[in-house]
Amino acid sequence: MTETVARPMSTLLLVGIYTGLYVGLAVLALLVTMFLEFENSAMGLIIAFAAASGMTQIWVSRERAAPASGRAWQVAVLCAAATTAVMSSVATLALQAEDMALQDLANEGALMIGGVILGIFALNLCIIRLALWMTGRSAAKRL
């Protein structure tokens, strides 16, 4: 019986895998909502959790161990930044379609917009780190 060798993955590769999964799942969710009468306000968080879980499965299977805590936090911060950037881009594109909504948002001030973005980042970070922890532990047990 041959034993697989653990190969470390770079942080940027992990973030790239996460971002690809996130965008793919978001497109899939968009297609589902186009054809079915389905609306869920927490779908962005569910997609972030699922993408982080998928990335962690790949991570653990390749490195043959549960992610170390410090590295998991580093990957979670970068993945949360990528998620927040994708969410902000989609929101900006949606707001540009309605000129009045964009003007109303601009009148609120940069501090409020920054606070909302920071809050979204913090929520994404917590969701992604939870997925890394839960999936990493269960995947490591199956090794």
N, C-alpha and C. Protein backbone atom coordinates (compact mmCIF):
# COMPACT_ATOMS: atom_id res chain seq x y z
N MET A 1 0.84 -1.17 0.00
CA MET A 1 0.00 0.00 0.00
C MET A 1 0.89 1.24 0.00
N THR A 2 0.63 2.15 -0.90
CA THR A 2 1.43 3.37 -0.98
C THR A 2 0.84 4.44 -0.10
N GLU A 3 1.72 5.19 0.52
CA GLU A 3 1.28 6.25 1.40
C GLU A 3 1.47 7.59 0.69
N THR A 4 0.47 8.43 0.72
CA THR A 4 0.59 9.72 0.05
C THR A 4 1.45 10.66 0.88
N VAL A 5 2.20 11.47 0.19
CA VAL A 5 3.10 12.41 0.84
C VAL A 5 2.39 13.75 1.02
N ALA A 6 2.54 14.33 2.19
CA ALA A 6 1.94 15.64 2.44
C ALA A 6 2.70 16.70 1.64
N ARG A 7 1.94 17.51 0.91
CA ARG A 7 2.52 18.60 0.14
C ARG A 7 1.90 19.90 0.60
N PRO A 8 2.70 20.83 1.11
CA PRO A 8 2.13 22.09 1.59
C PRO A 8 1.56 22.93 0.44
N MET A 9 0.50 23.63 0.73
CA MET A 9 -0.14 24.50 -0.25
C MET A 9 0.18 25.95 0.11
N SER A 10 0.37 26.78 -0.90
CA SER A 10 0.63 28.19 -0.63
C SER A 10 -0.66 28.88 -0.20
N THR A 11 -0.49 29.96 0.52
CA THR A 11 -1.64 30.72 1.00
C THR A 11 -2.43 31.31 -0.17
N LEU A 12 -1.72 31.82 -1.16
CA LEU A 12 -2.41 32.41 -2.31
C LEU A 12 -3.19 31.36 -3.10
N LEU A 13 -2.68 30.14 -3.18
CA LEU A 13 -3.41 29.07 -3.86
C LEU A 13 -4.69 28.76 -3.10
N LEU A 14 -4.61 28.71 -1.78
CA LEU A 14 -5.80 28.45 -0.97
C LEU A 14 -6.84 29.56 -1.16
N VAL A 15 -6.40 30.80 -1.16
CA VAL A 15 -7.33 31.92 -1.35
C VAL A 15 -7.91 31.87 -2.77
N GLY A 16 -7.11 31.50 -3.75
CA GLY A 16 -7.60 31.36 -5.12
C GLY A 16 -8.65 30.26 -5.24
N ILE A 17 -8.40 29.13 -4.58
CA ILE A 17 -9.39 28.05 -4.58
C ILE A 17 -10.68 28.52 -3.92
N TYR A 18 -10.55 29.19 -2.79
CA TYR A 18 -11.74 29.71 -2.09
C TYR A 18 -12.52 30.68 -2.98
N THR A 19 -11.81 31.62 -3.60
CA THR A 19 -12.48 32.63 -4.43
C THR A 19 -13.18 31.98 -5.61
N GLY A 20 -12.53 31.00 -6.23
CA GLY A 20 -13.16 30.29 -7.34
C GLY A 20 -14.42 29.56 -6.90
N LEU A 21 -14.34 28.88 -5.75
CA LEU A 21 -15.51 28.20 -5.22
C LEU A 21 -16.61 29.19 -4.87
N TYR A 22 -16.23 30.31 -4.27
CA TYR A 22 -17.22 31.31 -3.87
C TYR A 22 -17.96 31.87 -5.09
N VAL A 23 -17.20 32.26 -6.10
CA VAL A 23 -17.83 32.83 -7.31
C VAL A 23 -18.69 31.77 -8.01
N GLY A 24 -18.17 30.54 -8.09
CA GLY A 24 -18.94 29.47 -8.72
C GLY A 24 -20.24 29.18 -8.00
N LEU A 25 -20.18 29.12 -6.68
CA LEU A 25 -21.40 28.88 -5.90
C LEU A 25 -22.36 30.07 -5.98
N ALA A 26 -21.82 31.28 -6.06
CA ALA A 26 -22.69 32.46 -6.18
C ALA A 26 -23.42 32.46 -7.51
N VAL A 27 -22.72 32.09 -8.58
CA VAL A 27 -23.36 32.01 -9.89
C VAL A 27 -24.43 30.92 -9.88
N LEU A 28 -24.11 29.78 -9.27
CA LEU A 28 -25.08 28.70 -9.16
C LEU A 28 -26.31 29.15 -8.38
N ALA A 29 -26.10 29.87 -7.28
CA ALA A 29 -27.23 30.38 -6.49
C ALA A 29 -28.05 31.38 -7.29
N LEU A 30 -27.38 32.21 -8.09
CA LEU A 30 -28.08 33.17 -8.94
C LEU A 30 -28.95 32.44 -9.96
N LEU A 31 -28.42 31.39 -10.57
CA LEU A 31 -29.20 30.62 -11.54
C LEU A 31 -30.40 29.94 -10.88
N VAL A 32 -30.19 29.44 -9.68
CA VAL A 32 -31.30 28.80 -8.97
C VAL A 32 -32.40 29.81 -8.67
N THR A 33 -32.02 31.01 -8.23
CA THR A 33 -33.03 32.02 -7.90
C THR A 33 -33.72 32.57 -9.15
N MET A 34 -33.07 32.45 -10.31
CA MET A 34 -33.72 32.91 -11.55
C MET A 34 -34.84 31.97 -11.98
N PHE A 35 -34.66 30.67 -11.73
CA PHE A 35 -35.63 29.69 -12.21
C PHE A 35 -36.62 29.25 -11.15
N LEU A 36 -36.28 29.42 -9.90
CA LEU A 36 -37.17 29.03 -8.81
C LEU A 36 -37.51 30.26 -7.98
N GLU A 37 -38.70 30.28 -7.44
CA GLU A 37 -39.09 31.36 -6.54
C GLU A 37 -38.47 31.05 -5.19
N PHE A 38 -37.25 31.53 -5.01
CA PHE A 38 -36.49 31.23 -3.81
C PHE A 38 -35.74 32.48 -3.40
N GLU A 39 -35.90 32.87 -2.16
CA GLU A 39 -35.20 34.06 -1.68
C GLU A 39 -34.70 33.80 -0.27
N ASN A 40 -33.43 34.06 -0.07
CA ASN A 40 -32.83 33.84 1.23
C ASN A 40 -31.83 34.96 1.47
N SER A 41 -32.06 35.75 2.49
CA SER A 41 -31.19 36.90 2.75
C SER A 41 -29.82 36.48 3.29
N ALA A 42 -29.68 35.26 3.77
CA ALA A 42 -28.40 34.79 4.30
C ALA A 42 -27.61 33.98 3.29
N MET A 43 -28.00 34.02 2.03
CA MET A 43 -27.35 33.18 1.02
C MET A 43 -25.86 33.50 0.88
N GLY A 44 -25.47 34.77 0.99
CA GLY A 44 -24.06 35.12 0.89
C GLY A 44 -23.23 34.46 1.97
N LEU A 45 -23.78 34.36 3.17
CA LEU A 45 -23.05 33.71 4.27
C LEU A 45 -23.01 32.20 4.09
N ILE A 46 -24.08 31.63 3.57
CA ILE A 46 -24.11 30.19 3.32
C ILE A 46 -23.10 29.84 2.23
N ILE A 47 -23.02 30.66 1.21
CA ILE A 47 -22.06 30.43 0.12
C ILE A 47 -20.63 30.55 0.66
N ALA A 48 -20.37 31.55 1.50
CA ALA A 48 -19.02 31.71 2.08
C ALA A 48 -18.65 30.49 2.92
N PHE A 49 -19.59 29.98 3.71
CA PHE A 49 -19.33 28.80 4.53
C PHE A 49 -19.05 27.59 3.66
N ALA A 50 -19.86 27.40 2.61
CA ALA A 50 -19.67 26.24 1.72
C ALA A 50 -18.35 26.33 0.97
N ALA A 51 -17.98 27.51 0.50
CA ALA A 51 -16.72 27.67 -0.22
C ALA A 51 -15.53 27.42 0.71
N ALA A 52 -15.61 27.91 1.93
CA ALA A 52 -14.54 27.69 2.89
C ALA A 52 -14.44 26.21 3.26
N SER A 53 -15.57 25.54 3.36
CA SER A 53 -15.55 24.11 3.66
C SER A 53 -14.90 23.33 2.52
N GLY A 54 -15.26 23.66 1.30
CA GLY A 54 -14.66 22.99 0.14
C GLY A 54 -13.15 23.22 0.07
N MET A 55 -12.73 24.45 0.31
CA MET A 55 -11.31 24.76 0.30
C MET A 55 -10.58 23.99 1.40
N THR A 56 -11.18 23.88 2.57
CA THR A 56 -10.55 23.18 3.68
C THR A 56 -10.42 21.69 3.39
N GLN A 57 -11.42 21.11 2.73
CA GLN A 57 -11.33 19.70 2.34
C GLN A 57 -10.13 19.47 1.45
N ILE A 58 -9.93 20.34 0.47
CA ILE A 58 -8.79 20.23 -0.43
C ILE A 58 -7.49 20.43 0.35
N TRP A 59 -7.48 21.41 1.24
CA TRP A 59 -6.30 21.74 2.04
C TRP A 59 -5.87 20.55 2.90
N VAL A 60 -6.81 19.96 3.63
CA VAL A 60 -6.50 18.85 4.53
C VAL A 60 -6.10 17.62 3.72
N SER A 61 -6.77 17.35 2.62
CA SER A 61 -6.42 16.15 1.85
C SER A 61 -5.03 16.28 1.22
N ARG A 62 -4.63 17.49 0.89
CA ARG A 62 -3.30 17.67 0.29
C ARG A 62 -2.19 17.71 1.34
N GLU A 63 -2.43 18.38 2.46
CA GLU A 63 -1.39 18.49 3.49
C GLU A 63 -1.43 17.36 4.50
N ARG A 64 -2.47 16.55 4.46
CA ARG A 64 -2.60 15.38 5.32
C ARG A 64 -2.61 15.71 6.81
N ALA A 65 -3.11 16.89 7.16
CA ALA A 65 -3.21 17.31 8.56
C ALA A 65 -4.20 18.47 8.65
N ALA A 66 -4.74 18.65 9.83
CA ALA A 66 -5.62 19.80 10.06
C ALA A 66 -4.80 21.08 9.98
N PRO A 67 -5.39 22.16 9.49
CA PRO A 67 -4.64 23.42 9.39
C PRO A 67 -4.22 23.93 10.76
N ALA A 68 -3.01 24.46 10.82
CA ALA A 68 -2.53 25.09 12.05
C ALA A 68 -3.34 26.36 12.31
N SER A 69 -3.53 26.69 13.56
CA SER A 69 -4.40 27.80 13.93
C SER A 69 -3.95 29.14 13.33
N GLY A 70 -2.66 29.45 13.44
CA GLY A 70 -2.18 30.72 12.91
C GLY A 70 -2.35 30.83 11.41
N ARG A 71 -2.03 29.77 10.71
CA ARG A 71 -2.18 29.77 9.25
C ARG A 71 -3.65 29.81 8.86
N ALA A 72 -4.49 29.13 9.62
CA ALA A 72 -5.92 29.15 9.34
C ALA A 72 -6.48 30.57 9.49
N TRP A 73 -6.03 31.30 10.51
CA TRP A 73 -6.48 32.68 10.68
C TRP A 73 -6.00 33.55 9.52
N GLN A 74 -4.76 33.33 9.10
CA GLN A 74 -4.22 34.11 7.98
C GLN A 74 -5.04 33.86 6.71
N VAL A 75 -5.33 32.61 6.42
CA VAL A 75 -6.12 32.28 5.23
C VAL A 75 -7.54 32.83 5.39
N ALA A 76 -8.10 32.74 6.59
CA ALA A 76 -9.46 33.23 6.81
C ALA A 76 -9.55 34.74 6.59
N VAL A 77 -8.55 35.49 7.04
CA VAL A 77 -8.55 36.95 6.84
C VAL A 77 -8.48 37.28 5.35
N LEU A 78 -7.61 36.60 4.62
CA LEU A 78 -7.50 36.87 3.19
C LEU A 78 -8.76 36.45 2.43
N CYS A 79 -9.35 35.33 2.82
CA CYS A 79 -10.60 34.89 2.18
C CYS A 79 -11.75 35.84 2.51
N ALA A 80 -11.80 36.34 3.74
CA ALA A 80 -12.83 37.32 4.10
C ALA A 80 -12.66 38.61 3.31
N ALA A 81 -11.41 39.02 3.10
CA ALA A 81 -11.17 40.21 2.28
C ALA A 81 -11.63 39.99 0.84
N ALA A 82 -11.36 38.80 0.30
CA ALA A 82 -11.80 38.49 -1.06
C ALA A 82 -13.33 38.46 -1.14
N THR A 83 -13.96 37.86 -0.14
CA THR A 83 -15.42 37.80 -0.11
C THR A 83 -16.04 39.19 -0.02
N THR A 84 -15.49 40.02 0.85
CA THR A 84 -16.00 41.38 1.01
C THR A 84 -15.81 42.17 -0.27
N ALA A 85 -14.69 41.97 -0.96
CA ALA A 85 -14.47 42.67 -2.23
C ALA A 85 -15.48 42.23 -3.29
N VAL A 86 -15.76 40.94 -3.36
CA VAL A 86 -16.75 40.45 -4.33
C VAL A 86 -18.13 40.99 -3.98
N MET A 87 -18.50 40.94 -2.70
CA MET A 87 -19.81 41.44 -2.28
C MET A 87 -19.94 42.94 -2.56
N SER A 88 -18.89 43.70 -2.28
CA SER A 88 -18.92 45.14 -2.52
C SER A 88 -19.02 45.45 -4.00
N SER A 89 -18.34 44.68 -4.82
CA SER A 89 -18.41 44.90 -6.27
C SER A 89 -19.81 44.64 -6.80
N VAL A 90 -20.41 43.56 -6.35
CA VAL A 90 -21.78 43.24 -6.79
C VAL A 90 -22.75 44.31 -6.30
N ALA A 91 -22.60 44.76 -5.06
CA ALA A 91 -23.49 45.80 -4.53
C ALA A 91 -23.31 47.11 -5.28
N THR A 92 -22.07 47.45 -5.62
CA THR A 92 -21.82 48.69 -6.37
C THR A 92 -22.45 48.62 -7.76
N LEU A 93 -22.31 47.48 -8.42
CA LEU A 93 -22.93 47.32 -9.75
C LEU A 93 -24.45 47.41 -9.66
N ALA A 94 -25.02 46.82 -8.62
CA ALA A 94 -26.48 46.88 -8.45
C ALA A 94 -26.94 48.30 -8.16
N LEU A 95 -26.16 49.04 -7.38
CA LEU A 95 -26.54 50.42 -7.05
C LEU A 95 -26.36 51.36 -8.23
N GLN A 96 -25.42 51.06 -9.11
CA GLN A 96 -25.24 51.91 -10.28
C GLN A 96 -26.42 51.84 -11.23
N ALA A 97 -27.16 50.75 -11.16
CA ALA A 97 -28.35 50.63 -11.99
C ALA A 97 -29.43 51.62 -11.55
N GLU A 98 -29.41 51.99 -10.29
CA GLU A 98 -30.37 52.95 -9.75
C GLU A 98 -29.60 54.17 -9.27
N ASP A 99 -29.65 55.25 -10.03
CA ASP A 99 -28.87 56.44 -9.71
C ASP A 99 -29.27 57.07 -8.38
N MET A 100 -30.53 57.06 -8.06
CA MET A 100 -30.99 57.68 -6.81
C MET A 100 -30.44 56.93 -5.60
N ALA A 101 -30.40 55.62 -5.66
CA ALA A 101 -29.90 54.83 -4.54
C ALA A 101 -28.42 55.12 -4.31
N LEU A 102 -27.66 55.28 -5.38
CA LEU A 102 -26.23 55.58 -5.26
C LEU A 102 -26.02 56.97 -4.67
N GLN A 103 -26.87 57.95 -5.06
CA GLN A 103 -26.77 59.29 -4.50
C GLN A 103 -27.13 59.29 -3.01
N ASP A 104 -28.17 58.54 -2.65
CA ASP A 104 -28.56 58.45 -1.23
C ASP A 104 -27.45 57.83 -0.40
N LEU A 105 -26.79 56.84 -0.95
CA LEU A 105 -25.70 56.20 -0.23
C LEU A 105 -24.51 57.14 -0.10
N ALA A 106 -24.22 57.91 -1.12
CA ALA A 106 -23.11 58.86 -1.08
C ALA A 106 -23.38 59.95 -0.04
N ASN A 107 -24.65 60.32 0.16
CA ASN A 107 -25.00 61.34 1.14
C ASN A 107 -24.81 60.85 2.58
N GLU A 108 -24.80 59.54 2.78
CA GLU A 108 -24.66 59.00 4.13
C GLU A 108 -23.27 59.23 4.71
N GLY A 109 -22.28 59.34 3.87
CA GLY A 109 -20.93 59.61 4.35
C GLY A 109 -20.03 58.40 4.30
N ALA A 110 -18.76 58.69 4.15
CA ALA A 110 -17.77 57.62 4.01
C ALA A 110 -17.60 56.83 5.31
N LEU A 111 -17.79 57.47 6.44
CA LEU A 111 -17.61 56.78 7.72
C LEU A 111 -18.64 55.67 7.89
N MET A 112 -19.87 55.97 7.54
CA MET A 112 -20.93 54.96 7.66
C MET A 112 -20.71 53.82 6.67
N ILE A 113 -20.33 54.16 5.45
CA ILE A 113 -20.09 53.13 4.44
C ILE A 113 -18.91 52.25 4.88
N GLY A 114 -17.86 52.87 5.38
CA GLY A 114 -16.71 52.12 5.88
C GLY A 114 -17.07 51.22 7.05
N GLY A 115 -17.93 51.70 7.93
CA GLY A 115 -18.38 50.89 9.06
C GLY A 115 -19.17 49.68 8.62
N VAL A 116 -20.02 49.87 7.63
CA VAL A 116 -20.81 48.74 7.11
C VAL A 116 -19.88 47.72 6.45
N ILE A 117 -18.92 48.19 5.67
CA ILE A 117 -17.99 47.27 5.01
C ILE A 117 -17.15 46.53 6.05
N LEU A 118 -16.71 47.23 7.09
CA LEU A 118 -15.95 46.59 8.16
C LEU A 118 -16.79 45.55 8.89
N GLY A 119 -18.06 45.85 9.12
CA GLY A 119 -18.96 44.88 9.76
C GLY A 119 -19.17 43.65 8.89
N ILE A 120 -19.33 43.85 7.60
CA ILE A 120 -19.48 42.72 6.68
C ILE A 120 -18.21 41.87 6.66
N PHE A 121 -17.05 42.54 6.66
CA PHE A 121 -15.77 41.82 6.70
C PHE A 121 -15.67 40.98 7.97
N ALA A 122 -16.02 41.55 9.11
CA ALA A 122 -15.94 40.82 10.38
C ALA A 122 -16.88 39.62 10.40
N LEU A 123 -18.08 39.79 9.88
CA LEU A 123 -19.03 38.67 9.82
C LEU A 123 -18.51 37.57 8.89
N ASN A 124 -17.99 37.97 7.73
CA ASN A 124 -17.41 36.98 6.81
C ASN A 124 -16.24 36.26 7.45
N LEU A 125 -15.40 36.99 8.17
CA LEU A 125 -14.25 36.38 8.84
C LEU A 125 -14.70 35.31 9.84
N CYS A 126 -15.70 35.63 10.62
CA CYS A 126 -16.21 34.66 11.61
C CYS A 126 -16.79 33.42 10.93
N ILE A 127 -17.56 33.62 9.88
CA ILE A 127 -18.17 32.49 9.16
C ILE A 127 -17.10 31.61 8.52
N ILE A 128 -16.12 32.24 7.87
CA ILE A 128 -15.06 31.48 7.20
C ILE A 128 -14.20 30.74 8.21
N ARG A 129 -13.86 31.39 9.31
CA ARG A 129 -13.03 30.72 10.32
C ARG A 129 -13.78 29.56 10.95
N LEU A 130 -15.09 29.71 11.17
CA LEU A 130 -15.90 28.61 11.69
C LEU A 130 -15.88 27.43 10.73
N ALA A 131 -16.01 27.71 9.43
CA ALA A 131 -15.98 26.63 8.44
C ALA A 131 -14.62 25.95 8.41
N LEU A 132 -13.54 26.73 8.50
CA LEU A 132 -12.20 26.15 8.54
C LEU A 132 -12.03 25.23 9.75
N TRP A 133 -12.50 25.68 10.88
CA TRP A 133 -12.36 24.91 12.11
C TRP A 133 -13.19 23.62 12.06
N MET A 134 -14.46 23.75 11.69
CA MET A 134 -15.34 22.58 11.67
C MET A 134 -14.91 21.56 10.62
N THR A 135 -14.65 22.02 9.41
CA THR A 135 -14.29 21.11 8.33
C THR A 135 -12.90 20.54 8.53
N GLY A 136 -11.97 21.37 9.01
CA GLY A 136 -10.62 20.89 9.25
C GLY A 136 -10.57 19.78 10.28
N ARG A 137 -11.33 19.93 11.34
CA ARG A 137 -11.35 18.89 12.37
C ARG A 137 -11.96 17.60 11.86
N SER A 138 -13.09 17.70 11.16
CA SER A 138 -13.74 16.47 10.69
C SER A 138 -12.94 15.80 9.58
N ALA A 139 -12.33 16.59 8.71
CA ALA A 139 -11.53 15.99 7.63
C ALA A 139 -10.27 15.35 8.18
N ALA A 140 -9.67 15.94 9.20
CA ALA A 140 -8.45 15.37 9.79
C ALA A 140 -8.75 14.05 10.49
N LYS A 141 -9.94 13.90 11.04
CA LYS A 141 -10.30 12.65 11.70
C LYS A 141 -10.42 11.50 10.70
N ARG A 142 -10.77 11.82 9.47
CA ARG A 142 -10.94 10.78 8.46
C ARG A 142 -9.63 10.38 7.79
N LEU A 143 -8.54 11.03 8.13
CA LEU A 143 -7.25 10.67 7.51
C LEU A 143 -6.75 9.35 8.02
